[in-house]
Amino acid sequence: MFDLIKNLFKKPKPVVEKESPVLSEKEMATARKEPFIAVVDTQFDPKNPANGYFELDWNIFFVDELRKAGYTGATEEEIVDKWFKAICQNVVSESNPNQEVRIV
């Protein structure tokens, strides 16, 4: 009986809502089945700035778009690398229209 009375005046436990996970831009694009590409990091050698790299992140939908555009390769990395080199080549070509540029 005492427990019954005690429970009548007991405060209900607050409902704790679980936080929905925050999705990254890549995860959101992938969920929408949209292409995604981003530069994650860049590094260069201060003594020789031509030595460096760009770290890219992408989803399968981006790679699929590259394949549709004619890019080929044995791996996703190879396909994205060919695309990135083509972008770099286009940038250099636009900067120096009279100079032949070939990026291997």
PDB file of N, CA and C in Angstrom:
ATOM      1  N   MET A   1       0.824  -1.188   0.000  1.00  0.00           N
ATOM      2  CA  MET A   1       0.000   0.000   0.000  1.00  0.00           C
ATOM      3  C   MET A   1       0.875   1.262   0.000  1.00  0.00           C
ATOM      4  N   PHE A   2       1.918   1.217   0.836  1.00  0.00           N
ATOM      5  CA  PHE A   2       2.809   2.370   0.906  1.00  0.00           C
ATOM      6  C   PHE A   2       3.453   2.633  -0.451  1.00  0.00           C
ATOM      7  N   ASP A   3       3.867   1.572  -1.162  1.00  0.00           N
ATOM      8  CA  ASP A   3       4.469   1.728  -2.485  1.00  0.00           C
ATOM      9  C   ASP A   3       3.484   2.339  -3.471  1.00  0.00           C
ATOM     10  N   LEU A   4       2.221   1.975  -3.369  1.00  0.00           N
ATOM     11  CA  LEU A   4       1.196   2.520  -4.258  1.00  0.00           C
ATOM     12  C   LEU A   4       1.071   4.020  -4.055  1.00  0.00           C
ATOM     13  N   ILE A   5       1.028   4.474  -2.813  1.00  0.00           N
ATOM     14  CA  ILE A   5       0.910   5.902  -2.510  1.00  0.00           C
ATOM     15  C   ILE A   5       2.189   6.624  -2.936  1.00  0.00           C
ATOM     16  N   LYS A   6       3.320   6.002  -2.652  1.00  0.00           N
ATOM     17  CA  LYS A   6       4.600   6.611  -3.021  1.00  0.00           C
ATOM     18  C   LYS A   6       4.690   6.802  -4.533  1.00  0.00           C
ATOM     19  N   ASN A   7       4.227   5.834  -5.294  1.00  0.00           N
ATOM     20  CA  ASN A   7       4.274   5.915  -6.753  1.00  0.00           C
ATOM     21  C   ASN A   7       3.305   6.946  -7.303  1.00  0.00           C
ATOM     22  N   LEU A   8       2.237   7.251  -6.590  1.00  0.00           N
ATOM     23  CA  LEU A   8       1.291   8.273  -7.042  1.00  0.00           C
ATOM     24  C   LEU A   8       1.940   9.651  -7.089  1.00  0.00           C
ATOM     25  N   PHE A   9       2.842   9.916  -6.155  1.00  0.00           N
ATOM     26  CA  PHE A   9       3.469  11.227  -6.064  1.00  0.00           C
ATOM     27  C   PHE A   9       4.878  11.265  -6.655  1.00  0.00           C
ATOM     28  N   LYS A  10       5.256  10.186  -7.233  1.00  0.00           N
ATOM     29  CA  LYS A  10       6.587  10.083  -7.823  1.00  0.00           C
ATOM     30  C   LYS A  10       6.623  10.849  -9.147  1.00  0.00           C
ATOM     31  N   LYS A  11       7.680  11.615  -9.320  1.00  0.00           N
ATOM     32  CA  LYS A  11       7.831  12.355 -10.575  1.00  0.00           C
ATOM     33  C   LYS A  11       8.184  11.373 -11.680  1.00  0.00           C
ATOM     34  N   PRO A  12       7.579  11.554 -12.839  1.00  0.00           N
ATOM     35  CA  PRO A  12       7.939  10.662 -13.953  1.00  0.00           C
ATOM     36  C   PRO A  12       9.368  10.954 -14.410  1.00  0.00           C
ATOM     37  N   LYS A  13      10.029   9.908 -14.842  1.00  0.00           N
ATOM     38  CA  LYS A  13      11.384  10.075 -15.350  1.00  0.00           C
ATOM     39  C   LYS A  13      11.323  10.848 -16.655  1.00  0.00           C
ATOM     40  N   PRO A  14      12.228  11.819 -16.817  1.00  0.00           N
ATOM     41  CA  PRO A  14      12.215  12.570 -18.078  1.00  0.00           C
ATOM     42  C   PRO A  14      12.583  11.657 -19.247  1.00  0.00           C
ATOM     43  N   VAL A  15      11.904  11.909 -20.335  1.00  0.00           N
ATOM     44  CA  VAL A  15      12.183  11.140 -21.538  1.00  0.00           C
ATOM     45  C   VAL A  15      13.420  11.743 -22.185  1.00  0.00           C
ATOM     46  N   VAL A  16      14.416  10.924 -22.327  1.00  0.00           N
ATOM     47  CA  VAL A  16      15.653  11.386 -22.950  1.00  0.00           C
ATOM     48  C   VAL A  16      15.597  11.001 -24.420  1.00  0.00           C
ATOM     49  N   GLU A  17      15.555  12.023 -25.252  1.00  0.00           N
ATOM     50  CA  GLU A  17      15.520  11.758 -26.683  1.00  0.00           C
ATOM     51  C   GLU A  17      16.926  11.489 -27.173  1.00  0.00           C
ATOM     52  N   LYS A  18      17.033  10.451 -27.943  1.00  0.00           N
ATOM     53  CA  LYS A  18      18.332  10.137 -28.515  1.00  0.00           C
ATOM     54  C   LYS A  18      18.624  11.141 -29.620  1.00  0.00           C
ATOM     55  N   GLU A  19      19.834  11.658 -29.577  1.00  0.00           N
ATOM     56  CA  GLU A  19      20.231  12.599 -30.620  1.00  0.00           C
ATOM     57  C   GLU A  19      20.399  11.841 -31.926  1.00  0.00           C
ATOM     58  N   SER A  20      19.833  12.407 -32.967  1.00  0.00           N
ATOM     59  CA  SER A  20      20.028  11.777 -34.263  1.00  0.00           C
ATOM     60  C   SER A  20      21.458  12.068 -34.709  1.00  0.00           C
ATOM     61  N   PRO A  21      22.076  11.089 -35.322  1.00  0.00           N
ATOM     62  CA  PRO A  21      23.471  11.301 -35.722  1.00  0.00           C
ATOM     63  C   PRO A  21      23.581  12.421 -36.757  1.00  0.00           C
ATOM     64  N   VAL A  22      24.627  13.208 -36.612  1.00  0.00           N
ATOM     65  CA  VAL A  22      24.879  14.282 -37.559  1.00  0.00           C
ATOM     66  C   VAL A  22      25.619  13.675 -38.750  1.00  0.00           C
ATOM     67  N   LEU A  23      25.039  13.844 -39.921  1.00  0.00           N
ATOM     68  CA  LEU A  23      25.638  13.282 -41.124  1.00  0.00           C
ATOM     69  C   LEU A  23      26.608  14.276 -41.744  1.00  0.00           C
ATOM     70  N   SER A  24      27.679  13.751 -42.281  1.00  0.00           N
ATOM     71  CA  SER A  24      28.632  14.588 -42.993  1.00  0.00           C
ATOM     72  C   SER A  24      28.044  14.965 -44.353  1.00  0.00           C
ATOM     73  N   GLU A  25      28.679  15.923 -45.010  1.00  0.00           N
ATOM     74  CA  GLU A  25      28.222  16.309 -46.350  1.00  0.00           C
ATOM     75  C   GLU A  25      28.259  15.112 -47.291  1.00  0.00           C
ATOM     76  N   LYS A  26      29.312  14.313 -47.174  1.00  0.00           N
ATOM     77  CA  LYS A  26      29.446  13.128 -48.027  1.00  0.00           C
ATOM     78  C   LYS A  26      28.304  12.146 -47.755  1.00  0.00           C
ATOM     79  N   GLU A  27      28.013  11.909 -46.478  1.00  0.00           N
ATOM     80  CA  GLU A  27      26.934  10.982 -46.125  1.00  0.00           C
ATOM     81  C   GLU A  27      25.581  11.489 -46.613  1.00  0.00           C
ATOM     82  N   MET A  28      25.366  12.808 -46.506  1.00  0.00           N
ATOM     83  CA  MET A  28      24.096  13.367 -46.983  1.00  0.00           C
ATOM     84  C   MET A  28      23.981  13.232 -48.497  1.00  0.00           C
ATOM     85  N   ALA A  29      25.067  13.541 -49.219  1.00  0.00           N
ATOM     86  CA  ALA A  29      25.047  13.414 -50.680  1.00  0.00           C
ATOM     87  C   ALA A  29      24.833  11.955 -51.077  1.00  0.00           C
ATOM     88  N   THR A  30      25.494  11.048 -50.395  1.00  0.00           N
ATOM     89  CA  THR A  30      25.346   9.626 -50.701  1.00  0.00           C
ATOM     90  C   THR A  30      23.924   9.174 -50.432  1.00  0.00           C
ATOM     91  N   ALA A  31      23.337   9.634 -49.341  1.00  0.00           N
ATOM     92  CA  ALA A  31      21.943   9.276 -49.030  1.00  0.00           C
ATOM     93  C   ALA A  31      20.993   9.780 -50.119  1.00  0.00           C
ATOM     94  N   ARG A  32      21.330  10.932 -50.708  1.00  0.00           N
ATOM     95  CA  ARG A  32      20.503  11.490 -51.800  1.00  0.00           C
ATOM     96  C   ARG A  32      20.908  10.931 -53.156  1.00  0.00           C
ATOM     97  N   LYS A  33      21.919  10.047 -53.165  1.00  0.00           N
ATOM     98  CA  LYS A  33      22.448   9.441 -54.385  1.00  0.00           C
ATOM     99  C   LYS A  33      22.987  10.501 -55.346  1.00  0.00           C
ATOM    100  N   GLU A  34      23.688  11.482 -54.766  1.00  0.00           N
ATOM    101  CA  GLU A  34      24.289  12.570 -55.535  1.00  0.00           C
ATOM    102  C   GLU A  34      25.811  12.441 -55.503  1.00  0.00           C
ATOM    103  N   PRO A  35      26.488  12.878 -56.571  1.00  0.00           N
ATOM    104  CA  PRO A  35      27.957  12.851 -56.579  1.00  0.00           C
ATOM    105  C   PRO A  35      28.526  13.784 -55.509  1.00  0.00           C
ATOM    106  N   PHE A  36      29.630  13.363 -54.908  1.00  0.00           N
ATOM    107  CA  PHE A  36      30.300  14.165 -53.891  1.00  0.00           C
ATOM    108  C   PHE A  36      31.807  14.065 -54.102  1.00  0.00           C
ATOM    109  N   ILE A  37      32.481  15.211 -54.064  1.00  0.00           N
ATOM    110  CA  ILE A  37      33.948  15.277 -54.115  1.00  0.00           C
ATOM    111  C   ILE A  37      34.365  16.453 -53.226  1.00  0.00           C
ATOM    112  N   ALA A  38      35.428  16.258 -52.452  1.00  0.00           N
ATOM    113  CA  ALA A  38      35.914  17.331 -51.588  1.00  0.00           C
ATOM    114  C   ALA A  38      37.414  17.176 -51.382  1.00  0.00           C
ATOM    115  N   VAL A  39      38.079  18.317 -51.172  1.00  0.00           N
ATOM    116  CA  VAL A  39      39.493  18.311 -50.792  1.00  0.00           C
ATOM    117  C   VAL A  39      39.530  18.203 -49.274  1.00  0.00           C
ATOM    118  N   VAL A  40      40.151  17.122 -48.777  1.00  0.00           N
ATOM    119  CA  VAL A  40      40.220  16.874 -47.343  1.00  0.00           C
ATOM    120  C   VAL A  40      41.445  17.543 -46.739  1.00  0.00           C
ATOM    121  N   ASP A  41      42.566  17.499 -47.480  1.00  0.00           N
ATOM    122  CA  ASP A  41      43.815  18.031 -46.954  1.00  0.00           C
ATOM    123  C   ASP A  41      44.729  18.400 -48.105  1.00  0.00           C
ATOM    124  N   THR A  42      45.611  19.345 -47.859  1.00  0.00           N
ATOM    125  CA  THR A  42      46.668  19.682 -48.817  1.00  0.00           C
ATOM    126  C   THR A  42      47.971  19.787 -48.048  1.00  0.00           C
ATOM    127  N   GLN A  43      49.035  19.327 -48.650  1.00  0.00           N
ATOM    128  CA  GLN A  43      50.359  19.408 -48.039  1.00  0.00           C
ATOM    129  C   GLN A  43      51.363  19.793 -49.113  1.00  0.00           C
ATOM    130  N   PHE A  44      52.413  20.499 -48.709  1.00  0.00           N
ATOM    131  CA  PHE A  44      53.494  20.820 -49.635  1.00  0.00           C
ATOM    132  C   PHE A  44      54.787  20.937 -48.861  1.00  0.00           C
ATOM    133  N   ASP A  45      55.874  20.795 -49.584  1.00  0.00           N
ATOM    134  CA  ASP A  45      57.209  20.900 -49.014  1.00  0.00           C
ATOM    135  C   ASP A  45      57.646  22.353 -49.139  1.00  0.00           C
ATOM    136  N   PRO A  46      57.851  23.063 -48.032  1.00  0.00           N
ATOM    137  CA  PRO A  46      58.237  24.473 -48.108  1.00  0.00           C
ATOM    138  C   PRO A  46      59.533  24.704 -48.887  1.00  0.00           C
ATOM    139  N   LYS A  47      60.424  23.702 -48.885  1.00  0.00           N
ATOM    140  CA  LYS A  47      61.674  23.837 -49.626  1.00  0.00           C
ATOM    141  C   LYS A  47      61.469  23.627 -51.112  1.00  0.00           C
ATOM    142  N   ASN A  48      60.443  22.887 -51.461  1.00  0.00           N
ATOM    143  CA  ASN A  48      60.122  22.638 -52.866  1.00  0.00           C
ATOM    144  C   ASN A  48      58.593  22.549 -52.995  1.00  0.00           C
ATOM    145  N   PRO A  49      57.929  23.702 -53.103  1.00  0.00           N
ATOM    146  CA  PRO A  49      56.461  23.723 -53.107  1.00  0.00           C
ATOM    147  C   PRO A  49      55.805  22.885 -54.203  1.00  0.00           C
ATOM    148  N   ALA A  50      56.556  22.523 -55.233  1.00  0.00           N
ATOM    149  CA  ALA A  50      55.977  21.675 -56.281  1.00  0.00           C
ATOM    150  C   ALA A  50      55.747  20.251 -55.768  1.00  0.00           C
ATOM    151  N   ASN A  51      56.415  19.901 -54.675  1.00  0.00           N
ATOM    152  CA  ASN A  51      56.211  18.585 -54.071  1.00  0.00           C
ATOM    153  C   ASN A  51      55.128  18.701 -53.007  1.00  0.00           C
ATOM    154  N   GLY A  52      54.038  18.068 -53.257  1.00  0.00           N
ATOM    155  CA  GLY A  52      52.934  18.112 -52.309  1.00  0.00           C
ATOM    156  C   GLY A  52      51.814  17.233 -52.799  1.00  0.00           C
ATOM    157  N   TYR A  53      50.713  17.338 -52.128  1.00  0.00           N
ATOM    158  CA  TYR A  53      49.577  16.529 -52.560  1.00  0.00           C
ATOM    159  C   TYR A  53      48.265  17.138 -52.084  1.00  0.00           C
ATOM    160  N   PHE A  54      47.201  16.707 -52.723  1.00  0.00           N
ATOM    161  CA  PHE A  54      45.840  16.997 -52.318  1.00  0.00           C
ATOM    162  C   PHE A  54      45.232  15.668 -51.903  1.00  0.00           C
ATOM    163  N   GLU A  55      44.604  15.623 -50.761  1.00  0.00           N
ATOM    164  CA  GLU A  55      43.872  14.426 -50.353  1.00  0.00           C
ATOM    165  C   GLU A  55      42.398  14.674 -50.659  1.00  0.00           C
ATOM    166  N   LEU A  56      41.834  13.812 -51.492  1.00  0.00           N
ATOM    167  CA  LEU A  56      40.448  13.964 -51.914  1.00  0.00           C
ATOM    168  C   LEU A  56      39.569  12.897 -51.275  1.00  0.00           C
ATOM    169  N   ASP A  57      38.311  13.217 -51.121  1.00  0.00           N
ATOM    170  CA  ASP A  57      37.322  12.250 -50.656  1.00  0.00           C
ATOM    171  C   ASP A  57      36.148  12.321 -51.611  1.00  0.00           C
ATOM    172  N   TRP A  58      35.573  11.191 -51.936  1.00  0.00           N
ATOM    173  CA  TRP A  58      34.475  11.146 -52.900  1.00  0.00           C
ATOM    174  C   TRP A  58      33.560   9.979 -52.562  1.00  0.00           C
ATOM    175  N   ASN A  59      32.413   9.952 -53.225  1.00  0.00           N
ATOM    176  CA  ASN A  59      31.515   8.807 -53.077  1.00  0.00           C
ATOM    177  C   ASN A  59      31.385   8.084 -54.417  1.00  0.00           C
ATOM    178  N   ILE A  60      30.726   6.964 -54.394  1.00  0.00           N
ATOM    179  CA  ILE A  60      30.597   6.125 -55.592  1.00  0.00           C
ATOM    180  C   ILE A  60      29.809   6.837 -56.691  1.00  0.00           C
ATOM    181  N   PHE A  61      28.907   7.726 -56.315  1.00  0.00           N
ATOM    182  CA  PHE A  61      28.113   8.430 -57.322  1.00  0.00           C
ATOM    183  C   PHE A  61      28.991   9.398 -58.133  1.00  0.00           C
ATOM    184  N   PHE A  62      30.014   9.951 -57.498  1.00  0.00           N
ATOM    185  CA  PHE A  62      30.964  10.790 -58.220  1.00  0.00           C
ATOM    186  C   PHE A  62      31.745   9.944 -59.222  1.00  0.00           C
ATOM    187  N   VAL A  63      32.210   8.786 -58.783  1.00  0.00           N
ATOM    188  CA  VAL A  63      32.962   7.887 -59.660  1.00  0.00           C
ATOM    189  C   VAL A  63      32.084   7.433 -60.822  1.00  0.00           C
ATOM    190  N   ASP A  64      30.823   7.150 -60.545  1.00  0.00           N
ATOM    191  CA  ASP A  64      29.890   6.758 -61.617  1.00  0.00           C
ATOM    192  C   ASP A  64      29.756   7.863 -62.666  1.00  0.00           C
ATOM    193  N   GLU A  65      29.714   9.115 -62.219  1.00  0.00           N
ATOM    194  CA  GLU A  65      29.633  10.248 -63.157  1.00  0.00           C
ATOM    195  C   GLU A  65      30.905  10.326 -64.002  1.00  0.00           C
ATOM    196  N   LEU A  66      32.044  10.085 -63.382  1.00  0.00           N
ATOM    197  CA  LEU A  66      33.298  10.100 -64.138  1.00  0.00           C
ATOM    198  C   LEU A  66      33.312   8.986 -65.186  1.00  0.00           C
ATOM    199  N   ARG A  67      32.831   7.813 -64.802  1.00  0.00           N
ATOM    200  CA  ARG A  67      32.769   6.700 -65.768  1.00  0.00           C
ATOM    201  C   ARG A  67      31.862   7.057 -66.943  1.00  0.00           C
ATOM    202  N   LYS A  68      30.712   7.672 -66.654  1.00  0.00           N
ATOM    203  CA  LYS A  68      29.792   8.096 -67.721  1.00  0.00           C
ATOM    204  C   LYS A  68      30.459   9.107 -68.653  1.00  0.00           C
ATOM    205  N   ALA A  69      31.373   9.907 -68.081  1.00  0.00           N
ATOM    206  CA  ALA A  69      32.076  10.928 -68.872  1.00  0.00           C
ATOM    207  C   ALA A  69      33.264  10.347 -69.626  1.00  0.00           C
ATOM    208  N   GLY A  70      33.523   9.038 -69.452  1.00  0.00           N
ATOM    209  CA  GLY A  70      34.582   8.398 -70.223  1.00  0.00           C
ATOM    210  C   GLY A  70      35.854   8.081 -69.469  1.00  0.00           C
ATOM    211  N   TYR A  71      35.923   8.405 -68.191  1.00  0.00           N
ATOM    212  CA  TYR A  71      37.117   8.085 -67.415  1.00  0.00           C
ATOM    213  C   TYR A  71      37.112   6.591 -67.091  1.00  0.00           C
ATOM    214  N   THR A  72      38.283   5.988 -67.183  1.00  0.00           N
ATOM    215  CA  THR A  72      38.408   4.554 -66.910  1.00  0.00           C
ATOM    216  C   THR A  72      39.556   4.320 -65.941  1.00  0.00           C
ATOM    217  N   GLY A  73      39.536   3.163 -65.334  1.00  0.00           N
ATOM    218  CA  GLY A  73      40.607   2.781 -64.431  1.00  0.00           C
ATOM    219  C   GLY A  73      40.245   1.508 -63.706  1.00  0.00           C
ATOM    220  N   ALA A  74      41.268   0.869 -63.162  1.00  0.00           N
ATOM    221  CA  ALA A  74      41.067  -0.389 -62.451  1.00  0.00           C
ATOM    222  C   ALA A  74      40.443  -0.163 -61.069  1.00  0.00           C
ATOM    223  N   THR A  75      40.675   1.031 -60.488  1.00  0.00           N
ATOM    224  CA  THR A  75      40.152   1.334 -59.154  1.00  0.00           C
ATOM    225  C   THR A  75      39.495   2.712 -59.170  1.00  0.00           C
ATOM    226  N   GLU A  76      38.724   2.982 -58.130  1.00  0.00           N
ATOM    227  CA  GLU A  76      38.138   4.319 -57.978  1.00  0.00           C
ATOM    228  C   GLU A  76      39.245   5.364 -57.907  1.00  0.00           C
ATOM    229  N   GLU A  77      40.310   5.050 -57.179  1.00  0.00           N
ATOM    230  CA  GLU A  77      41.424   5.989 -57.016  1.00  0.00           C
ATOM    231  C   GLU A  77      42.041   6.351 -58.356  1.00  0.00           C
ATOM    232  N   GLU A  78      42.191   5.363 -59.217  1.00  0.00           N
ATOM    233  CA  GLU A  78      42.780   5.602 -60.535  1.00  0.00           C
ATOM    234  C   GLU A  78      41.869   6.489 -61.390  1.00  0.00           C
ATOM    235  N   ILE A  79      40.588   6.253 -61.319  1.00  0.00           N
ATOM    236  CA  ILE A  79      39.622   7.053 -62.081  1.00  0.00           C
ATOM    237  C   ILE A  79      39.636   8.496 -61.590  1.00  0.00           C
ATOM    238  N   VAL A  80      39.583   8.684 -60.271  1.00  0.00           N
ATOM    239  CA  VAL A  80      39.583  10.044 -59.707  1.00  0.00           C
ATOM    240  C   VAL A  80      40.909  10.733 -59.997  1.00  0.00           C
ATOM    241  N   ASP A  81      42.011   9.993 -59.957  1.00  0.00           N
ATOM    242  CA  ASP A  81      43.327  10.565 -60.252  1.00  0.00           C
ATOM    243  C   ASP A  81      43.381  11.076 -61.692  1.00  0.00           C
ATOM    244  N   LYS A  82      42.840  10.319 -62.624  1.00  0.00           N
ATOM    245  CA  LYS A  82      42.813  10.767 -64.026  1.00  0.00           C
ATOM    246  C   LYS A  82      41.990  12.040 -64.167  1.00  0.00           C
ATOM    247  N   TRP A  83      40.863  12.097 -63.484  1.00  0.00           N
ATOM    248  CA  TRP A  83      40.018  13.295 -63.522  1.00  0.00           C
ATOM    249  C   TRP A  83      40.772  14.493 -62.943  1.00  0.00           C
ATOM    250  N   PHE A  84      41.429  14.287 -61.795  1.00  0.00           N
ATOM    251  CA  PHE A  84      42.138  15.382 -61.140  1.00  0.00           C
ATOM    252  C   PHE A  84      43.277  15.895 -62.012  1.00  0.00           C
ATOM    253  N   LYS A  85      44.001  14.988 -62.637  1.00  0.00           N
ATOM    254  CA  LYS A  85      45.077  15.395 -63.547  1.00  0.00           C
ATOM    255  C   LYS A  85      44.520  16.184 -64.725  1.00  0.00           C
ATOM    256  N   ALA A  86      43.365  15.776 -65.241  1.00  0.00           N
ATOM    257  CA  ALA A  86      42.741  16.517 -66.349  1.00  0.00           C
ATOM    258  C   ALA A  86      42.351  17.922 -65.900  1.00  0.00           C
ATOM    259  N   ILE A  87      41.837  18.057 -64.676  1.00  0.00           N
ATOM    260  CA  ILE A  87      41.500  19.376 -64.127  1.00  0.00           C
ATOM    261  C   ILE A  87      42.758  20.235 -64.048  1.00  0.00           C
ATOM    262  N   CYS A  88      43.830  19.665 -63.512  1.00  0.00           N
ATOM    263  CA  CYS A  88      45.091  20.415 -63.398  1.00  0.00           C
ATOM    264  C   CYS A  88      45.606  20.833 -64.766  1.00  0.00           C
ATOM    265  N   GLN A  89      45.520  19.933 -65.717  1.00  0.00           N
ATOM    266  CA  GLN A  89      45.976  20.229 -67.072  1.00  0.00           C
ATOM    267  C   GLN A  89      45.151  21.375 -67.669  1.00  0.00           C
ATOM    268  N   ASN A  90      43.854  21.364 -67.444  1.00  0.00           N
ATOM    269  CA  ASN A  90      42.985  22.434 -67.948  1.00  0.00           C
ATOM    270  C   ASN A  90      43.322  23.781 -67.309  1.00  0.00           C
ATOM    271  N   VAL A  91      43.632  23.778 -66.038  1.00  0.00           N
ATOM    272  CA  VAL A  91      43.989  25.024 -65.347  1.00  0.00           C
ATOM    273  C   VAL A  91      45.272  25.593 -65.946  1.00  0.00           C
ATOM    274  N   VAL A  92      46.265  24.746 -66.136  1.00  0.00           N
ATOM    275  CA  VAL A  92      47.533  25.203 -66.703  1.00  0.00           C
ATOM    276  C   VAL A  92      47.327  25.672 -68.145  1.00  0.00           C
ATOM    277  N   SER A  93      46.545  24.944 -68.908  1.00  0.00           N
ATOM    278  CA  SER A  93      46.281  25.314 -70.302  1.00  0.00           C
ATOM    279  C   SER A  93      45.599  26.669 -70.402  1.00  0.00           C
ATOM    280  N   GLU A  94      44.669  26.934 -69.503  1.00  0.00           N
ATOM    281  CA  GLU A  94      43.975  28.226 -69.521  1.00  0.00           C
ATOM    282  C   GLU A  94      44.918  29.359 -69.135  1.00  0.00           C
ATOM    283  N   SER A  95      45.878  29.068 -68.260  1.00  0.00           N
ATOM    284  CA  SER A  95      46.837  30.086 -67.823  1.00  0.00           C
ATOM    285  C   SER A  95      47.872  30.380 -68.895  1.00  0.00           C
ATOM    286  N   ASN A  96      48.210  29.366 -69.698  1.00  0.00           N
ATOM    287  CA  ASN A  96      49.219  29.485 -70.738  1.00  0.00           C
ATOM    288  C   ASN A  96      48.677  28.929 -72.053  1.00  0.00           C
ATOM    289  N   PRO A  97      47.794  29.663 -72.726  1.00  0.00           N
ATOM    290  CA  PRO A  97      47.127  29.115 -73.903  1.00  0.00           C
ATOM    291  C   PRO A  97      48.068  28.772 -75.053  1.00  0.00           C
ATOM    292  N   ASN A  98      49.236  29.377 -75.131  1.00  0.00           N
ATOM    293  CA  ASN A  98      50.160  29.115 -76.233  1.00  0.00           C
ATOM    294  C   ASN A  98      51.178  28.020 -75.907  1.00  0.00           C
ATOM    295  N   GLN A  99      51.093  27.478 -74.709  1.00  0.00           N
ATOM    296  CA  GLN A  99      52.066  26.464 -74.284  1.00  0.00           C
ATOM    297  C   GLN A  99      51.380  25.119 -74.188  1.00  0.00           C
ATOM    298  N   GLU A 100      52.008  24.106 -74.812  1.00  0.00           N
ATOM    299  CA  GLU A 100      51.456  22.753 -74.722  1.00  0.00           C
ATOM    300  C   GLU A 100      51.787  22.181 -73.346  1.00  0.00           C
ATOM    301  N   VAL A 101      50.785  21.620 -72.690  1.00  0.00           N
ATOM    302  CA  VAL A 101      50.968  21.087 -71.362  1.00  0.00           C
ATOM    303  C   VAL A 101      50.511  19.630 -71.352  1.00  0.00           C
ATOM    304  N   ARG A 102      51.331  18.798 -70.773  1.00  0.00           N
ATOM    305  CA  ARG A 102      50.942  17.383 -70.633  1.00  0.00           C
ATOM    306  C   ARG A 102      51.289  16.944 -69.223  1.00  0.00           C
ATOM    307  N   ILE A 103      50.281  16.558 -68.486  1.00  0.00           N
ATOM    308  CA  ILE A 103      50.464  16.041 -67.143  1.00  0.00           C
ATOM    309  C   ILE A 103      50.282  14.533 -67.205  1.00  0.00           C
ATOM    310  N   VAL A 104      51.262  13.826 -66.752  1.00  0.00           N
ATOM    311  CA  VAL A 104      51.228  12.358 -66.837  1.00  0.00           C
ATOM    312  C   VAL A 104      50.659  11.768 -65.572  1.00  0.00           C
TER     313      VAL A 104
END
